[in-house]
Amino acid sequence: MNYKEFLETKKHSIGNFGFKANYIPEMAFDFQKYIIEKAVKKGRMAVFADTGLGKTLIQISIAENIVRHTNKKVLILTPLAVAFQFIEEAEKLGITDIEYSKDGKHKSKIVVCNYERLHFFDRNDFEGVILDESSILKNFDGKIKGAITAFVKKIPYRFLSTATPSPNDFIELGTSSEALGYMGYMDMLTKFFKNNQNSIDSNNRNIGEKYYLKPHAQIDFFAWVNQWAIMVKMPSDLGFSDDRYKLPELMLNKHTVKNQSLLDVDGQIQMFNKPAKNFNEVRHEVKMTIPQRCEKALELAQGKTSVYWVNRNDESSILKNNDSEAVEIIGSQSIDRKE
């Protein structure tokens, strides 16, 4: 490979890859139809839509549009345990040419797989790629992020989708733009942002916190983001009715357990318990209340379908040992076991 060929491999595809939508599901809401049509016409777009706005339906519909337009395959990348949701949603839409592949083998036009299994696939097999929960790209130095960007950069039709983009995390916006084939994040920083050191340091782990948007560039910056992203928290953001999305007030019930253990400070046992303030005090209180908190959690979960969300392995073990119906999921398990 000569140097010119090497540079060609580093380029993102350019141009407008969009086309007029050829498939809109009847069951889609009005604002969902608008998003599908706009995204398909653009060809490369991020859909930053809040939880519950139907991103799975939108993504499958975009994939079906690409399949009908090109008669080629589309890859949908998802986090663990989410692939099944796409298969179920496709069934509701009457789309049957879809499958979940764990090993890179596939026969259907729409293929769903996990990010962790991307290395099994050949990008030349696909005309389109859709990243579900694309906030994974914010992991700037991450191995997966690098693999994803390399995989998608030559694929004509590219889409990102997440409910949790961080509008103040400029790296996430930059890496999203870069993955779609638009401006790279470093170019974005130099064009729209400044930092206190007046320098660009790609090794700075706190880059999203240290950079600030140039005051005179605010309008241009968000106009630029608006060219390649749809951002919506409620249908009314796009001019549609919110009637289907008016939810009752969320009720939060807090249950408190008492810490019976006295704190040891520099070898001296304190006479009275004080509210935990610093890190050591909080850590002590968390550790010393594990039995009480687990007991309360078991009590609240009895007779219900519940999720125990824990911070410590010993909490997980206690709950698993005392709840015969509980299924424990921990990071050290295999991908298949966690899924």
C-alpha atoms as a PDB file:
ATOM      1  CA  MET A   1       0.000   0.000   0.000  1.00  0.00           C
ATOM      2  CA  ASN A   2       1.470   3.370  -1.011  1.00  0.00           C
ATOM      3  CA  TYR A   3       1.005   6.584   0.984  1.00  0.00           C
ATOM      4  CA  LYS A   4      -1.828   7.868  -1.207  1.00  0.00           C
ATOM      5  CA  GLU A   5      -3.761   4.628  -0.741  1.00  0.00           C
ATOM      6  CA  PHE A   6      -3.083   4.826   2.991  1.00  0.00           C
ATOM      7  CA  LEU A   7      -4.600   8.323   3.133  1.00  0.00           C
ATOM      8  CA  GLU A   8      -7.640   7.099   1.191  1.00  0.00           C
ATOM      9  CA  THR A   9      -8.306   4.455   3.862  1.00  0.00           C
ATOM     10  CA  LYS A  10      -8.365   7.207   6.499  1.00  0.00           C
ATOM     11  CA  LYS A  11     -10.998   9.289   4.711  1.00  0.00           C
ATOM     12  CA  HIS A  12     -14.649   9.275   5.626  1.00  0.00           C
ATOM     13  CA  SER A  13     -17.101   8.893   2.785  1.00  0.00           C
ATOM     14  CA  ILE A  14     -18.439  12.287   1.753  1.00  0.00           C
ATOM     15  CA  GLY A  15     -21.569  13.541   0.080  1.00  0.00           C
ATOM     16  CA  ASN A  16     -25.315  13.349   0.643  1.00  0.00           C
ATOM     17  CA  PHE A  17     -26.424   9.718   0.777  1.00  0.00           C
ATOM     18  CA  GLY A  18     -30.084  10.307   1.566  1.00  0.00           C
ATOM     19  CA  PHE A  19     -33.127   9.351  -0.457  1.00  0.00           C
ATOM     20  CA  LYS A  20     -36.889   9.736  -0.219  1.00  0.00           C
ATOM     21  CA  ALA A  21     -38.396   7.374   2.351  1.00  0.00           C
ATOM     22  CA  ASN A  22     -40.055   4.335   0.795  1.00  0.00           C
ATOM     23  CA  TYR A  23     -41.417   2.735   3.962  1.00  0.00           C
ATOM     24  CA  ILE A  24     -43.303   4.335   6.859  1.00  0.00           C
ATOM     25  CA  PRO A  25     -45.053   1.921   9.276  1.00  0.00           C
ATOM     26  CA  GLU A  26     -48.734   2.610   9.814  1.00  0.00           C
ATOM     27  CA  MET A  27     -48.376   2.162  13.567  1.00  0.00           C
ATOM     28  CA  ALA A  28     -45.800   4.978  13.817  1.00  0.00           C
ATOM     29  CA  PHE A  29     -46.919   8.198  15.507  1.00  0.00           C
ATOM     30  CA  ASP A  30     -46.846  11.455  13.540  1.00  0.00           C
ATOM     31  CA  PHE A  31     -43.588  12.699  15.053  1.00  0.00           C
ATOM     32  CA  GLN A  32     -41.960   9.274  14.504  1.00  0.00           C
ATOM     33  CA  LYS A  33     -42.911   9.402  10.821  1.00  0.00           C
ATOM     34  CA  TYR A  34     -41.330  12.853  10.613  1.00  0.00           C
ATOM     35  CA  ILE A  35     -38.078  11.593  12.163  1.00  0.00           C
ATOM     36  CA  ILE A  36     -37.949   8.558   9.854  1.00  0.00           C
ATOM     37  CA  GLU A  37     -38.504  10.672   6.743  1.00  0.00           C
ATOM     38  CA  LYS A  38     -35.945  13.297   7.758  1.00  0.00           C
ATOM     39  CA  ALA A  39     -33.291  10.759   8.763  1.00  0.00           C
ATOM     40  CA  VAL A  40     -33.674   8.672   5.605  1.00  0.00           C
ATOM     41  CA  LYS A  41     -33.491  11.785   3.434  1.00  0.00           C
ATOM     42  CA  LYS A  42     -30.289  12.858   5.199  1.00  0.00           C
ATOM     43  CA  GLY A  43     -28.669   9.451   4.956  1.00  0.00           C
ATOM     44  CA  ARG A  44     -26.358   9.990   7.936  1.00  0.00           C
ATOM     45  CA  MET A  45     -27.986  11.326  11.079  1.00  0.00           C
ATOM     46  CA  ALA A  46     -28.074  11.116  14.868  1.00  0.00           C
ATOM     47  CA  VAL A  47     -31.457  10.634  16.531  1.00  0.00           C
ATOM     48  CA  PHE A  48     -31.179  11.941  20.083  1.00  0.00           C
ATOM     49  CA  ALA A  49     -34.693  11.086  21.317  1.00  0.00           C
ATOM     50  CA  ASP A  50     -35.710  10.745  24.953  1.00  0.00           C
ATOM     51  CA  THR A  51     -36.754   7.486  26.587  1.00  0.00           C
ATOM     52  CA  GLY A  52     -40.127   6.190  25.425  1.00  0.00           C
ATOM     53  CA  LEU A  53     -40.255   8.041  22.105  1.00  0.00           C
ATOM     54  CA  GLY A  54     -39.921   4.864  20.033  1.00  0.00           C
ATOM     55  CA  LYS A  55     -36.288   4.787  18.958  1.00  0.00           C
ATOM     56  CA  THR A  56     -36.420   1.035  18.282  1.00  0.00           C
ATOM     57  CA  LEU A  57     -39.321   1.439  15.860  1.00  0.00           C
ATOM     58  CA  ILE A  58     -37.564   4.373  14.204  1.00  0.00           C
ATOM     59  CA  GLN A  59     -34.290   2.460  13.782  1.00  0.00           C
ATOM     60  CA  ILE A  60     -35.933  -0.643  12.317  1.00  0.00           C
ATOM     61  CA  SER A  61     -37.935   1.556   9.939  1.00  0.00           C
ATOM     62  CA  ILE A  62     -34.738   3.304   8.788  1.00  0.00           C
ATOM     63  CA  ALA A  63     -33.089  -0.092   8.231  1.00  0.00           C
ATOM     64  CA  GLU A  64     -36.072  -1.307   6.197  1.00  0.00           C
ATOM     65  CA  ASN A  65     -35.894   1.842   4.045  1.00  0.00           C
ATOM     66  CA  ILE A  66     -32.242   1.129   3.250  1.00  0.00           C
ATOM     67  CA  VAL A  67     -32.969  -2.517   2.443  1.00  0.00           C
ATOM     68  CA  ARG A  68     -35.798  -1.610   0.062  1.00  0.00           C
ATOM     69  CA  HIS A  69     -33.731   1.138  -1.578  1.00  0.00           C
ATOM     70  CA  THR A  70     -30.494  -0.831  -2.070  1.00  0.00           C
ATOM     71  CA  ASN A  71     -31.476  -4.499  -1.686  1.00  0.00           C
ATOM     72  CA  LYS A  72     -28.401  -4.763   0.550  1.00  0.00           C
ATOM     73  CA  LYS A  73     -27.836  -5.456   4.230  1.00  0.00           C
ATOM     74  CA  VAL A  74     -28.006  -3.240   7.308  1.00  0.00           C
ATOM     75  CA  LEU A  75     -26.226  -3.880  10.613  1.00  0.00           C
ATOM     76  CA  ILE A  76     -27.783  -2.692  13.886  1.00  0.00           C
ATOM     77  CA  LEU A  77     -25.354  -2.569  16.837  1.00  0.00           C
ATOM     78  CA  THR A  78     -26.836  -2.737  20.327  1.00  0.00           C
ATOM     79  CA  PRO A  79     -25.757  -3.124  23.954  1.00  0.00           C
ATOM     80  CA  LEU A  80     -26.046  -6.552  25.563  1.00  0.00           C
ATOM     81  CA  ALA A  81     -29.566  -7.986  25.964  1.00  0.00           C
ATOM     82  CA  VAL A  82     -31.142  -5.336  23.721  1.00  0.00           C
ATOM     83  CA  ALA A  83     -30.988  -7.263  20.433  1.00  0.00           C
ATOM     84  CA  PHE A  84     -34.074  -9.312  21.327  1.00  0.00           C
ATOM     85  CA  GLN A  85     -36.072  -6.106  21.644  1.00  0.00           C
ATOM     86  CA  PHE A  86     -35.348  -5.297  17.997  1.00  0.00           C
ATOM     87  CA  ILE A  87     -36.499  -8.744  16.869  1.00  0.00           C
ATOM     88  CA  GLU A  88     -39.761  -8.367  18.805  1.00  0.00           C
ATOM     89  CA  GLU A  89     -40.365  -4.848  17.477  1.00  0.00           C
ATOM     90  CA  ALA A  90     -39.742  -6.022  13.906  1.00  0.00           C
ATOM     91  CA  GLU A  91     -42.384  -8.736  14.359  1.00  0.00           C
ATOM     92  CA  LYS A  92     -44.920  -6.063  15.359  1.00  0.00           C
ATOM     93  CA  LEU A  93     -44.099  -4.192  12.146  1.00  0.00           C
ATOM     94  CA  GLY A  94     -44.392  -7.330  10.041  1.00  0.00           C
ATOM     95  CA  ILE A  95     -40.687  -7.267   9.135  1.00  0.00           C
ATOM     96  CA  THR A  96     -39.375 -10.824   9.021  1.00  0.00           C
ATOM     97  CA  ASP A  97     -36.070 -10.496   7.159  1.00  0.00           C
ATOM     98  CA  ILE A  98     -34.143  -9.806  10.370  1.00  0.00           C
ATOM     99  CA  GLU A  99     -31.929 -11.903  12.638  1.00  0.00           C
ATOM    100  CA  TYR A 100     -29.712 -11.711  15.710  1.00  0.00           C
ATOM    101  CA  SER A 101     -26.165 -12.889  15.009  1.00  0.00           C
ATOM    102  CA  LYS A 102     -23.605 -13.655  17.706  1.00  0.00           C
ATOM    103  CA  ASP A 103     -20.849 -15.086  15.514  1.00  0.00           C
ATOM    104  CA  GLY A 104     -20.776 -12.939  12.374  1.00  0.00           C
ATOM    105  CA  LYS A 105     -22.810 -15.384  10.285  1.00  0.00           C
ATOM    106  CA  HIS A 106     -25.984 -13.963   8.765  1.00  0.00           C
ATOM    107  CA  LYS A 107     -28.519 -14.575   6.000  1.00  0.00           C
ATOM    108  CA  SER A 108     -31.118 -11.857   6.612  1.00  0.00           C
ATOM    109  CA  LYS A 109     -31.080  -8.345   5.206  1.00  0.00           C
ATOM    110  CA  ILE A 110     -31.250  -6.730   8.673  1.00  0.00           C
ATOM    111  CA  VAL A 111     -28.684  -8.083  11.125  1.00  0.00           C
ATOM    112  CA  VAL A 112     -28.615  -7.235  14.826  1.00  0.00           C
ATOM    113  CA  CYS A 113     -25.548  -7.823  16.997  1.00  0.00           C
ATOM    114  CA  ASN A 114     -23.885  -6.536  20.170  1.00  0.00           C
ATOM    115  CA  TYR A 115     -21.055  -4.015  20.223  1.00  0.00           C
ATOM    116  CA  GLU A 116     -18.884  -6.601  21.946  1.00  0.00           C
ATOM    117  CA  ARG A 117     -19.206  -8.937  18.925  1.00  0.00           C
ATOM    118  CA  LEU A 118     -18.476  -6.378  16.203  1.00  0.00           C
ATOM    119  CA  HIS A 119     -15.096  -7.989  15.464  1.00  0.00           C
ATOM    120  CA  PHE A 120     -16.896 -11.004  13.961  1.00  0.00           C
ATOM    121  CA  PHE A 121     -18.357  -8.904  11.133  1.00  0.00           C
ATOM    122  CA  ASP A 122     -17.047  -7.581   7.803  1.00  0.00           C
ATOM    123  CA  ARG A 123     -18.087  -4.007   7.027  1.00  0.00           C
ATOM    124  CA  ASN A 124     -18.101  -4.794   3.297  1.00  0.00           C
ATOM    125  CA  ASP A 125     -21.234  -6.901   3.852  1.00  0.00           C
ATOM    126  CA  PHE A 126     -23.321  -3.867   4.811  1.00  0.00           C
ATOM    127  CA  GLU A 127     -24.711  -0.805   3.066  1.00  0.00           C
ATOM    128  CA  GLY A 128     -26.028   0.723   6.282  1.00  0.00           C
ATOM    129  CA  VAL A 129     -25.186   0.692   9.988  1.00  0.00           C
ATOM    130  CA  ILE A 130     -27.236   1.878  12.965  1.00  0.00           C
ATOM    131  CA  LEU A 131     -25.738   2.370  16.438  1.00  0.00           C
ATOM    132  CA  ASP A 132     -28.250   1.925  19.245  1.00  0.00           C
ATOM    133  CA  GLU A 133     -27.329   3.619  22.547  1.00  0.00           C
ATOM    134  CA  SER A 134     -24.584   5.429  20.657  1.00  0.00           C
ATOM    135  CA  SER A 135     -23.421   7.214  23.817  1.00  0.00           C
ATOM    136  CA  ILE A 136     -20.835   4.433  23.959  1.00  0.00           C
ATOM    137  CA  LEU A 137     -18.860   6.688  21.599  1.00  0.00           C
ATOM    138  CA  LYS A 138     -18.211   9.130  24.460  1.00  0.00           C
ATOM    139  CA  ASN A 139     -15.590   6.686  25.718  1.00  0.00           C
ATOM    140  CA  PHE A 140     -12.974   8.614  23.755  1.00  0.00           C
ATOM    141  CA  ASP A 141      -9.975   6.374  24.446  1.00  0.00           C
ATOM    142  CA  GLY A 142     -12.084   3.221  24.422  1.00  0.00           C
ATOM    143  CA  LYS A 143     -11.139   0.219  22.321  1.00  0.00           C
ATOM    144  CA  ILE A 144     -14.750  -0.276  21.245  1.00  0.00           C
ATOM    145  CA  LYS A 145     -15.092   3.350  20.134  1.00  0.00           C
ATOM    146  CA  GLY A 146     -12.058   3.051  17.894  1.00  0.00           C
ATOM    147  CA  ALA A 147     -13.302  -0.207  16.392  1.00  0.00           C
ATOM    148  CA  ILE A 148     -16.744   1.271  15.714  1.00  0.00           C
ATOM    149  CA  THR A 149     -15.400   4.399  14.012  1.00  0.00           C
ATOM    150  CA  ALA A 150     -13.092   2.315  11.820  1.00  0.00           C
ATOM    151  CA  PHE A 151     -15.922  -0.076  10.958  1.00  0.00           C
ATOM    152  CA  VAL A 152     -18.510   2.538   9.940  1.00  0.00           C
ATOM    153  CA  LYS A 153     -16.392   5.153   8.168  1.00  0.00           C
ATOM    154  CA  LYS A 154     -16.790   3.624   4.688  1.00  0.00           C
ATOM    155  CA  ILE A 155     -20.441   2.595   5.040  1.00  0.00           C
ATOM    156  CA  PRO A 156     -22.709   4.999   3.095  1.00  0.00           C
ATOM    157  CA  TYR A 157     -25.755   5.029   5.406  1.00  0.00           C
ATOM    158  CA  ARG A 158     -24.984   5.679   9.089  1.00  0.00           C
ATOM    159  CA  PHE A 159     -27.265   6.454  12.000  1.00  0.00           C
ATOM    160  CA  LEU A 160     -26.773   7.002  15.729  1.00  0.00           C
ATOM    161  CA  SER A 161     -29.509   6.721  18.311  1.00  0.00           C
ATOM    162  CA  THR A 162     -29.539   7.402  22.046  1.00  0.00           C
ATOM    163  CA  ALA A 163     -31.758   8.845  24.752  1.00  0.00           C
ATOM    164  CA  THR A 164     -28.799   9.984  26.825  1.00  0.00           C
ATOM    165  CA  PRO A 165     -26.540  12.311  24.854  1.00  0.00           C
ATOM    166  CA  SER A 166     -24.769  14.831  27.055  1.00  0.00           C
ATOM    167  CA  PRO A 167     -25.265  18.269  25.496  1.00  0.00           C
ATOM    168  CA  ASN A 168     -22.416  19.671  27.599  1.00  0.00           C
ATOM    169  CA  ASP A 169     -20.046  16.841  26.746  1.00  0.00           C
ATOM    170  CA  PHE A 170     -18.470  18.281  23.632  1.00  0.00           C
ATOM    171  CA  ILE A 171     -16.432  15.145  23.002  1.00  0.00           C
ATOM    172  CA  GLU A 172     -19.621  13.117  22.614  1.00  0.00           C
ATOM    173  CA  LEU A 173     -20.980  15.532  20.025  1.00  0.00           C
ATOM    174  CA  GLY A 174     -17.630  15.570  18.244  1.00  0.00           C
ATOM    175  CA  THR A 175     -17.203  11.794  18.185  1.00  0.00           C
ATOM    176  CA  SER A 176     -20.810  11.412  17.010  1.00  0.00           C
ATOM    177  CA  SER A 177     -20.153  13.834  14.167  1.00  0.00           C
ATOM    178  CA  GLU A 178     -16.942  12.003  13.308  1.00  0.00           C
ATOM    179  CA  ALA A 179     -18.635   8.591  13.276  1.00  0.00           C
ATOM    180  CA  LEU A 180     -21.268   9.941  10.885  1.00  0.00           C
ATOM    181  CA  GLY A 181     -18.544  11.174   8.566  1.00  0.00           C
ATOM    182  CA  TYR A 182     -18.884  14.865   9.245  1.00  0.00           C
ATOM    183  CA  MET A 183     -16.449  17.142  11.078  1.00  0.00           C
ATOM    184  CA  GLY A 184     -13.966  15.341  13.346  1.00  0.00           C
ATOM    185  CA  TYR A 185     -14.040  16.180  17.026  1.00  0.00           C
ATOM    186  CA  MET A 186     -10.605  17.842  16.992  1.00  0.00           C
ATOM    187  CA  ASP A 187     -11.672  20.048  14.089  1.00  0.00           C
ATOM    188  CA  MET A 188     -14.870  20.806  15.996  1.00  0.00           C
ATOM    189  CA  LEU A 189     -12.913  21.915  19.054  1.00  0.00           C
ATOM    190  CA  THR A 190     -10.613  24.230  17.129  1.00  0.00           C
ATOM    191  CA  LYS A 191     -13.508  25.746  15.171  1.00  0.00           C
ATOM    192  CA  PHE A 192     -16.043  26.393  17.944  1.00  0.00           C
ATOM    193  CA  PHE A 193     -14.224  26.126  21.298  1.00  0.00           C
ATOM    194  CA  LYS A 194     -11.418  27.553  23.396  1.00  0.00           C
ATOM    195  CA  ASN A 195      -9.661  26.318  26.509  1.00  0.00           C
ATOM    196  CA  ASN A 196      -7.797  28.083  29.270  1.00  0.00           C
ATOM    197  CA  GLN A 197      -4.440  26.876  27.970  1.00  0.00           C
ATOM    198  CA  ASN A 198      -5.148  28.025  24.393  1.00  0.00           C
ATOM    199  CA  SER A 199      -4.034  24.607  23.152  1.00  0.00           C
ATOM    200  CA  ILE A 200      -5.481  21.357  21.863  1.00  0.00           C
ATOM    201  CA  ASP A 201      -4.462  18.347  23.937  1.00  0.00           C
ATOM    202  CA  SER A 202      -5.961  15.125  22.650  1.00  0.00           C
ATOM    203  CA  ASN A 203      -4.661  13.258  25.707  1.00  0.00           C
ATOM    204  CA  ASN A 204      -6.604  15.416  28.143  1.00  0.00           C
ATOM    205  CA  ARG A 205      -9.082  13.164  29.910  1.00  0.00           C
ATOM    206  CA  ASN A 206     -11.132  16.162  31.126  1.00  0.00           C
ATOM    207  CA  ILE A 207     -11.333  17.768  27.719  1.00  0.00           C
ATOM    208  CA  GLY A 208     -15.131  18.054  27.859  1.00  0.00           C
ATOM    209  CA  GLU A 209     -14.914  20.020  31.113  1.00  0.00           C
ATOM    210  CA  LYS A 210     -12.050  22.391  30.229  1.00  0.00           C
ATOM    211  CA  TYR A 211     -13.302  23.562  26.856  1.00  0.00           C
ATOM    212  CA  TYR A 212     -15.885  26.298  26.550  1.00  0.00           C
ATOM    213  CA  LEU A 213     -17.948  27.374  23.588  1.00  0.00           C
ATOM    214  CA  LYS A 214     -16.809  30.644  22.053  1.00  0.00           C
ATOM    215  CA  PRO A 215     -19.570  33.210  22.765  1.00  0.00           C
ATOM    216  CA  HIS A 216     -19.683  34.416  19.163  1.00  0.00           C
ATOM    217  CA  ALA A 217     -19.849  30.814  17.874  1.00  0.00           C
ATOM    218  CA  GLN A 218     -22.891  29.595  19.819  1.00  0.00           C
ATOM    219  CA  ILE A 219     -25.452  30.076  17.063  1.00  0.00           C
ATOM    220  CA  ASP A 220     -23.169  28.619  14.408  1.00  0.00           C
ATOM    221  CA  PHE A 221     -22.297  25.640  16.597  1.00  0.00           C
ATOM    222  CA  PHE A 222     -25.861  24.568  17.305  1.00  0.00           C
ATOM    223  CA  ALA A 223     -26.878  25.293  13.729  1.00  0.00           C
ATOM    224  CA  TRP A 224     -24.103  22.892  12.697  1.00  0.00           C
ATOM    225  CA  VAL A 225     -25.267  20.203  15.160  1.00  0.00           C
ATOM    226  CA  ASN A 226     -28.832  20.662  13.911  1.00  0.00           C
ATOM    227  CA  GLN A 227     -27.682  19.740  10.400  1.00  0.00           C
ATOM    228  CA  TRP A 228     -26.818  16.183  11.390  1.00  0.00           C
ATOM    229  CA  ALA A 229     -28.868  15.518  14.560  1.00  0.00           C
ATOM    230  CA  ILE A 230     -32.513  15.454  15.630  1.00  0.00           C
ATOM    231  CA  MET A 231     -32.836  16.321  19.320  1.00  0.00           C
ATOM    232  CA  VAL A 232     -36.220  15.740  20.943  1.00  0.00           C
ATOM    233  CA  LYS A 233     -37.377  15.299  24.531  1.00  0.00           C
ATOM    234  CA  MET A 234     -41.100  15.564  23.732  1.00  0.00           C
ATOM    235  CA  PRO A 235     -43.053  15.461  20.434  1.00  0.00           C
ATOM    236  CA  SER A 236     -43.842  19.174  20.882  1.00  0.00           C
ATOM    237  CA  ASP A 237     -40.157  19.911  20.256  1.00  0.00           C
ATOM    238  CA  LEU A 238     -40.892  18.967  16.649  1.00  0.00           C
ATOM    239  CA  GLY A 239     -44.285  20.691  16.535  1.00  0.00           C
ATOM    240  CA  PHE A 240     -46.452  17.668  17.404  1.00  0.00           C
ATOM    241  CA  SER A 241     -48.873  16.953  20.257  1.00  0.00           C
ATOM    242  CA  ASP A 242     -47.639  15.680  23.647  1.00  0.00           C
ATOM    243  CA  ASP A 243     -51.021  14.130  24.561  1.00  0.00           C
ATOM    244  CA  ARG A 244     -49.722  10.526  24.470  1.00  0.00           C
ATOM    245  CA  TYR A 245     -46.746  11.445  26.652  1.00  0.00           C
ATOM    246  CA  LYS A 246     -48.316  13.262  29.573  1.00  0.00           C
ATOM    247  CA  LEU A 247     -47.358  11.002  32.474  1.00  0.00           C
ATOM    248  CA  PRO A 248     -48.510  11.098  36.089  1.00  0.00           C
ATOM    249  CA  GLU A 249     -46.097  12.412  38.677  1.00  0.00           C
ATOM    250  CA  LEU A 250     -43.307   9.964  39.499  1.00  0.00           C
ATOM    251  CA  MET A 251     -43.648   8.788  43.097  1.00  0.00           C
ATOM    252  CA  LEU A 252     -40.376   8.232  44.971  1.00  0.00           C
ATOM    253  CA  ASN A 253     -40.528   6.263  48.214  1.00  0.00           C
ATOM    254  CA  LYS A 254     -37.399   6.469  50.369  1.00  0.00           C
ATOM    255  CA  HIS A 255     -36.706   3.849  53.018  1.00  0.00           C
ATOM    256  CA  THR A 256     -34.073   4.557  55.663  1.00  0.00           C
ATOM    257  CA  VAL A 257     -32.123   2.093  57.789  1.00  0.00           C
ATOM    258  CA  LYS A 258     -30.147   3.075  60.875  1.00  0.00           C
ATOM    259  CA  ASN A 259     -26.404   2.642  61.225  1.00  0.00           C
ATOM    260  CA  GLN A 260     -25.761   1.070  64.624  1.00  0.00           C
ATOM    261  CA  SER A 261     -21.972   1.048  64.268  1.00  0.00           C
ATOM    262  CA  LEU A 262     -19.839   3.812  65.796  1.00  0.00           C
ATOM    263  CA  LEU A 263     -17.160   5.341  63.597  1.00  0.00           C
ATOM    264  CA  ASP A 264     -13.482   4.747  64.350  1.00  0.00           C
ATOM    265  CA  VAL A 265     -11.466   7.939  63.750  1.00  0.00           C
ATOM    266  CA  ASP A 266      -7.690   7.632  64.134  1.00  0.00           C
ATOM    267  CA  GLY A 267      -8.105   4.717  66.512  1.00  0.00           C
ATOM    268  CA  GLN A 268     -10.722   6.500  68.650  1.00  0.00           C
ATOM    269  CA  ILE A 269     -14.290   5.167  68.718  1.00  0.00           C
ATOM    270  CA  GLN A 270     -16.717   8.082  68.496  1.00  0.00           C
ATOM    271  CA  MET A 271     -19.297   8.309  71.281  1.00  0.00           C
ATOM    272  CA  PHE A 272     -22.126   9.373  68.983  1.00  0.00           C
ATOM    273  CA  ASN A 273     -22.922   8.814  65.338  1.00  0.00           C
ATOM    274  CA  LYS A 274     -22.868  11.987  63.262  1.00  0.00           C
ATOM    275  CA  PRO A 275     -24.241  12.428  59.738  1.00  0.00           C
ATOM    276  CA  ALA A 276     -21.723  11.041  57.242  1.00  0.00           C
ATOM    277  CA  LYS A 277     -20.153  13.898  55.293  1.00  0.00           C
ATOM    278  CA  ASN A 278     -16.701  13.081  53.969  1.00  0.00           C
ATOM    279  CA  PHE A 279     -15.772  10.102  51.791  1.00  0.00           C
ATOM    280  CA  ASN A 280     -14.442   7.921  54.636  1.00  0.00           C
ATOM    281  CA  GLU A 281     -17.557   8.484  56.728  1.00  0.00           C
ATOM    282  CA  VAL A 282     -19.876   7.671  53.840  1.00  0.00           C
ATOM    283  CA  ARG A 283     -17.876   4.560  52.944  1.00  0.00           C
ATOM    284  CA  HIS A 284     -17.987   3.394  56.580  1.00  0.00           C
ATOM    285  CA  GLU A 285     -21.742   3.896  56.768  1.00  0.00           C
ATOM    286  CA  VAL A 286     -22.334   2.070  53.485  1.00  0.00           C
ATOM    287  CA  LYS A 287     -20.216  -0.878  54.611  1.00  0.00           C
ATOM    288  CA  MET A 288     -21.690  -1.133  58.106  1.00  0.00           C
ATOM    289  CA  THR A 289     -25.312  -1.022  56.898  1.00  0.00           C
ATOM    290  CA  ILE A 290     -25.054  -3.779  54.267  1.00  0.00           C
ATOM    291  CA  PRO A 291     -27.130  -6.348  56.264  1.00  0.00           C
ATOM    292  CA  GLN A 292     -29.845  -3.820  57.153  1.00  0.00           C
ATOM    293  CA  ARG A 293     -30.118  -2.453  53.621  1.00  0.00           C
ATOM    294  CA  CYS A 294     -30.238  -5.918  52.070  1.00  0.00           C
ATOM    295  CA  GLU A 295     -32.872  -6.997  54.572  1.00  0.00           C
ATOM    296  CA  LYS A 296     -34.998  -3.955  53.718  1.00  0.00           C
ATOM    297  CA  ALA A 297     -34.576  -4.599  49.974  1.00  0.00           C
ATOM    298  CA  LEU A 298     -35.695  -8.236  50.378  1.00  0.00           C
ATOM    299  CA  GLU A 299     -38.701  -7.077  52.371  1.00  0.00           C
ATOM    300  CA  LEU A 300     -39.740  -4.527  49.726  1.00  0.00           C
ATOM    301  CA  ALA A 301     -39.276  -6.978  46.843  1.00  0.00           C
ATOM    302  CA  GLN A 302     -41.299  -9.803  48.363  1.00  0.00           C
ATOM    303  CA  GLY A 303     -44.195 -10.808  46.123  1.00  0.00           C
ATOM    304  CA  LYS A 304     -43.214  -8.342  43.381  1.00  0.00           C
ATOM    305  CA  THR A 305     -41.242  -8.308  40.153  1.00  0.00           C
ATOM    306  CA  SER A 306     -38.258  -6.267  41.255  1.00  0.00           C
ATOM    307  CA  VAL A 307     -34.724  -5.237  40.379  1.00  0.00           C
ATOM    308  CA  TYR A 308     -32.004  -5.045  43.018  1.00  0.00           C
ATOM    309  CA  TRP A 309     -29.493  -2.386  41.949  1.00  0.00           C
ATOM    310  CA  VAL A 310     -26.326  -2.748  44.021  1.00  0.00           C
ATOM    311  CA  ASN A 311     -22.956  -1.035  44.357  1.00  0.00           C
ATOM    312  CA  ARG A 312     -20.997  -3.793  46.099  1.00  0.00           C
ATOM    313  CA  ASN A 313     -20.398  -7.465  45.314  1.00  0.00           C
ATOM    314  CA  ASP A 314     -21.194  -8.516  48.877  1.00  0.00           C
ATOM    315  CA  GLU A 315     -24.618  -6.862  48.586  1.00  0.00           C
ATOM    316  CA  SER A 316     -25.267  -8.842  45.414  1.00  0.00           C
ATOM    317  CA  SER A 317     -24.207 -12.107  47.063  1.00  0.00           C
ATOM    318  CA  ILE A 318     -26.426 -11.589  50.117  1.00  0.00           C
ATOM    319  CA  LEU A 319     -29.466 -10.805  47.981  1.00  0.00           C
ATOM    320  CA  LYS A 320     -28.873 -13.798  45.702  1.00  0.00           C
ATOM    321  CA  ASN A 321     -28.461 -16.164  48.664  1.00  0.00           C
ATOM    322  CA  ASN A 322     -31.613 -14.910  50.377  1.00  0.00           C
ATOM    323  CA  ASP A 323     -33.891 -14.592  47.349  1.00  0.00           C
ATOM    324  CA  SER A 324     -34.259 -17.982  45.670  1.00  0.00           C
ATOM    325  CA  GLU A 325     -35.831 -16.419  42.567  1.00  0.00           C
ATOM    326  CA  ALA A 326     -33.162 -13.757  42.052  1.00  0.00           C
ATOM    327  CA  VAL A 327     -30.777 -13.934  39.070  1.00  0.00           C
ATOM    328  CA  GLU A 328     -27.378 -12.394  39.734  1.00  0.00           C
ATOM    329  CA  ILE A 329     -25.587 -10.503  36.936  1.00  0.00           C
ATOM    330  CA  ILE A 330     -22.012  -9.381  37.564  1.00  0.00           C
ATOM    331  CA  GLY A 331     -19.255  -7.966  35.376  1.00  0.00           C
ATOM    332  CA  SER A 332     -16.966 -11.002  35.563  1.00  0.00           C
ATOM    333  CA  GLN A 333     -19.529 -13.240  33.860  1.00  0.00           C
ATOM    334  CA  SER A 334     -19.248 -14.135  30.170  1.00  0.00           C
ATOM    335  CA  ILE A 335     -21.119 -12.084  27.560  1.00  0.00           C
ATOM    336  CA  ASP A 336     -23.583 -14.937  26.967  1.00  0.00           C
ATOM    337  CA  ARG A 337     -24.246 -15.380  30.694  1.00  0.00           C
ATOM    338  CA  LYS A 338     -24.858 -11.653  31.260  1.00  0.00           C
ATOM    339  CA  GLU A 339     -27.147 -11.511  28.252  1.00  0.00           C
END
